[in-house]
Amino acid sequence: MDDCPEPNVKIDAGLPTVLVAAIALIDVDGRVLIAERPAGKSMAGLWEFPGGKVEDGEIPEAALIRECKEELNIDITAACLAPFAFASHTYEKFHLLMPLYLCRKWEGLVQGMEGQRTKWVKINSLNEYPMPPADDPLVAMLRDFL
């Protein structure tokens, strides 16, 4: 087991677990949508897969449907969401559990409804955009898959 990389998880950290659902929207050219975290939010200026916190009593798919409408002004359906991978990452004040879903079909044109910048990026160029630490392994898995 010496050849396994050290994960960024603290086994007995006593931190709350936060469930955040993320989506990799993939267009017909194989590009992935990323959004820049706006000023005033933690990790402002970093790029991320769109999504958001799963509310109490909500399932991740419902959170993504809601978040995509609120943040990007697009409509997606649960049938078009394919579970892909997840991140488990300990930050200073919480532990993040983040399932990533793939989606190739939606209705509407992507618009940053909260003032955030968005970009369609070729998968091999994603490493040119600084992302939160929890996203790094997801980017590598997505690159290998696409």
Protein backbone atom coordinates (compact mmCIF):
# COMPACT_ATOMS: atom_id res chain seq x y z
CA MET A 1 0.00 0.00 0.00
CA ASP A 2 3.04 2.28 -0.01
CA ASP A 3 2.40 3.22 -3.65
CA CYS A 4 -1.04 4.76 -2.94
CA PRO A 5 -1.09 8.57 -2.92
CA GLU A 6 -2.06 10.18 0.37
CA PRO A 7 -5.68 11.39 0.11
CA ASN A 8 -6.67 14.74 1.56
CA VAL A 9 -9.02 13.32 4.18
CA LYS A 10 -8.77 13.56 7.93
CA ILE A 11 -10.31 10.39 9.36
CA ASP A 12 -11.20 11.73 12.82
CA ALA A 13 -11.33 15.46 12.16
CA GLY A 14 -14.76 15.95 13.78
CA LEU A 15 -15.77 18.29 10.97
CA PRO A 16 -19.24 18.57 9.45
CA THR A 17 -19.69 16.85 6.09
CA VAL A 18 -21.05 19.08 3.36
CA LEU A 19 -22.72 17.46 0.34
CA VAL A 20 -22.28 19.46 -2.86
CA ALA A 21 -23.39 18.19 -6.27
CA ALA A 22 -21.41 19.21 -9.37
CA ILE A 23 -22.04 18.82 -13.07
CA ALA A 24 -19.75 18.46 -16.06
CA LEU A 25 -21.78 19.84 -18.94
CA ILE A 26 -20.24 18.52 -22.16
CA ASP A 27 -21.08 20.20 -25.46
CA VAL A 28 -21.15 18.66 -28.95
CA ASP A 29 -17.48 19.60 -29.44
CA GLY A 30 -16.45 17.71 -26.30
CA ARG A 31 -15.79 20.88 -24.30
CA VAL A 32 -16.63 21.12 -20.60
CA LEU A 33 -18.27 24.11 -18.94
CA ILE A 34 -16.51 25.68 -15.97
CA ALA A 35 -17.57 28.70 -13.93
CA GLU A 36 -15.46 31.18 -12.00
CA ARG A 37 -16.23 31.59 -8.31
CA PRO A 38 -17.31 35.22 -7.87
CA ALA A 39 -15.71 37.77 -5.58
CA GLY A 40 -16.97 37.57 -2.02
CA LYS A 41 -17.26 33.77 -2.00
CA SER A 42 -14.68 31.44 -0.55
CA MET A 43 -12.08 30.46 -3.12
CA ALA A 44 -13.09 33.45 -5.28
CA GLY A 45 -11.38 33.51 -8.66
CA LEU A 46 -11.00 29.74 -8.89
CA TRP A 47 -12.78 27.85 -11.66
CA GLU A 48 -15.12 24.97 -10.87
CA PHE A 49 -17.72 22.63 -12.24
CA PRO A 50 -21.15 24.26 -11.77
CA GLY A 51 -23.41 22.98 -9.02
CA GLY A 52 -24.10 23.66 -5.41
CA LYS A 53 -24.98 22.52 -1.95
CA VAL A 54 -27.56 19.77 -1.59
CA GLU A 55 -30.25 21.09 0.76
CA ASP A 56 -31.85 19.06 3.55
CA GLY A 57 -34.38 16.63 2.08
CA GLU A 58 -32.99 17.13 -1.44
CA ILE A 59 -31.21 14.55 -3.58
CA PRO A 60 -28.13 15.49 -5.64
CA GLU A 61 -29.97 15.26 -8.97
CA ALA A 62 -32.67 17.68 -7.74
CA ALA A 63 -29.97 20.05 -6.48
CA LEU A 64 -28.32 20.08 -9.91
CA ILE A 65 -31.62 20.69 -11.71
CA ARG A 66 -32.30 23.63 -9.34
CA GLU A 67 -28.75 25.01 -9.45
CA CYS A 68 -28.49 24.82 -13.25
CA LYS A 69 -31.70 26.85 -13.58
CA GLU A 70 -30.69 29.39 -10.91
CA GLU A 71 -27.03 29.82 -11.86
CA LEU A 72 -26.93 29.05 -15.60
CA ASN A 73 -30.53 29.54 -16.80
CA ILE A 74 -30.65 26.09 -18.39
CA ASP A 75 -33.08 23.23 -17.89
CA ILE A 76 -31.85 19.71 -17.35
CA THR A 77 -33.68 16.53 -16.43
CA ALA A 78 -32.65 13.76 -14.07
CA ALA A 79 -32.72 11.31 -17.00
CA CYS A 80 -29.86 13.26 -18.64
CA LEU A 81 -27.63 13.15 -15.54
CA ALA A 82 -25.10 10.32 -15.46
CA PRO A 83 -23.29 9.77 -12.14
CA PHE A 84 -19.57 9.77 -12.92
CA ALA A 85 -17.26 10.10 -9.91
CA PHE A 86 -17.00 11.84 -6.57
CA ALA A 87 -14.54 13.86 -4.53
CA SER A 88 -13.95 13.42 -0.80
CA HIS A 89 -11.79 16.26 0.50
CA THR A 90 -11.12 17.75 3.92
CA TYR A 91 -10.98 21.53 4.04
CA GLU A 92 -10.15 23.51 7.17
CA LYS A 93 -13.72 23.87 8.45
CA PHE A 94 -15.64 21.04 6.76
CA HIS A 95 -15.33 17.82 4.84
CA LEU A 96 -16.62 17.99 1.27
CA LEU A 97 -18.35 15.07 -0.40
CA MET A 98 -19.03 15.99 -4.02
CA PRO A 99 -20.59 13.70 -6.61
CA LEU A 100 -19.88 14.75 -10.19
CA TYR A 101 -22.48 14.04 -12.85
CA LEU A 102 -22.03 14.17 -16.62
CA CYS A 103 -24.66 15.82 -18.81
CA ARG A 104 -24.68 16.16 -22.60
CA LYS A 105 -28.24 17.41 -23.10
CA TRP A 106 -30.01 20.50 -21.75
CA GLU A 107 -32.43 23.19 -22.87
CA GLY A 108 -31.42 26.84 -23.17
CA LEU A 109 -28.22 28.81 -23.59
CA VAL A 110 -25.78 28.96 -20.69
CA GLN A 111 -25.74 32.36 -18.99
CA GLY A 112 -23.98 33.26 -15.73
CA MET A 113 -27.04 34.42 -13.79
CA GLU A 114 -25.08 35.42 -10.67
CA GLY A 115 -22.45 37.49 -12.45
CA GLN A 116 -20.01 34.58 -12.68
CA ARG A 117 -17.89 34.09 -15.77
CA THR A 118 -18.31 30.80 -17.61
CA LYS A 119 -16.09 29.14 -20.21
CA TRP A 120 -16.31 26.11 -22.47
CA VAL A 121 -12.91 24.43 -22.22
CA LYS A 122 -11.32 21.51 -24.05
CA ILE A 123 -10.69 18.74 -21.55
CA ASN A 124 -6.91 18.84 -22.11
CA SER A 125 -6.89 22.58 -21.28
CA LEU A 126 -8.68 22.31 -17.92
CA ASN A 127 -5.36 22.25 -16.07
CA GLU A 128 -4.75 25.83 -17.27
CA TYR A 129 -7.52 27.06 -14.97
CA PRO A 130 -6.93 27.13 -11.20
CA MET A 131 -9.58 25.01 -9.49
CA PRO A 132 -10.38 24.13 -5.86
CA PRO A 133 -8.25 21.24 -4.56
CA ALA A 134 -11.22 18.85 -4.42
CA ASP A 135 -11.72 19.22 -8.18
CA ASP A 136 -8.20 18.10 -9.17
CA PRO A 137 -8.83 14.32 -9.07
CA LEU A 138 -12.15 14.81 -10.87
CA VAL A 139 -10.42 16.67 -13.69
CA ALA A 140 -7.94 13.81 -14.09
CA MET A 141 -10.72 11.19 -14.17
CA LEU A 142 -12.76 13.25 -16.65
CA ARG A 143 -9.72 13.69 -18.91
CA ASP A 144 -9.12 9.92 -18.89
CA PHE A 145 -12.80 9.23 -19.63
CA LEU A 146 -13.28 11.73 -22.45
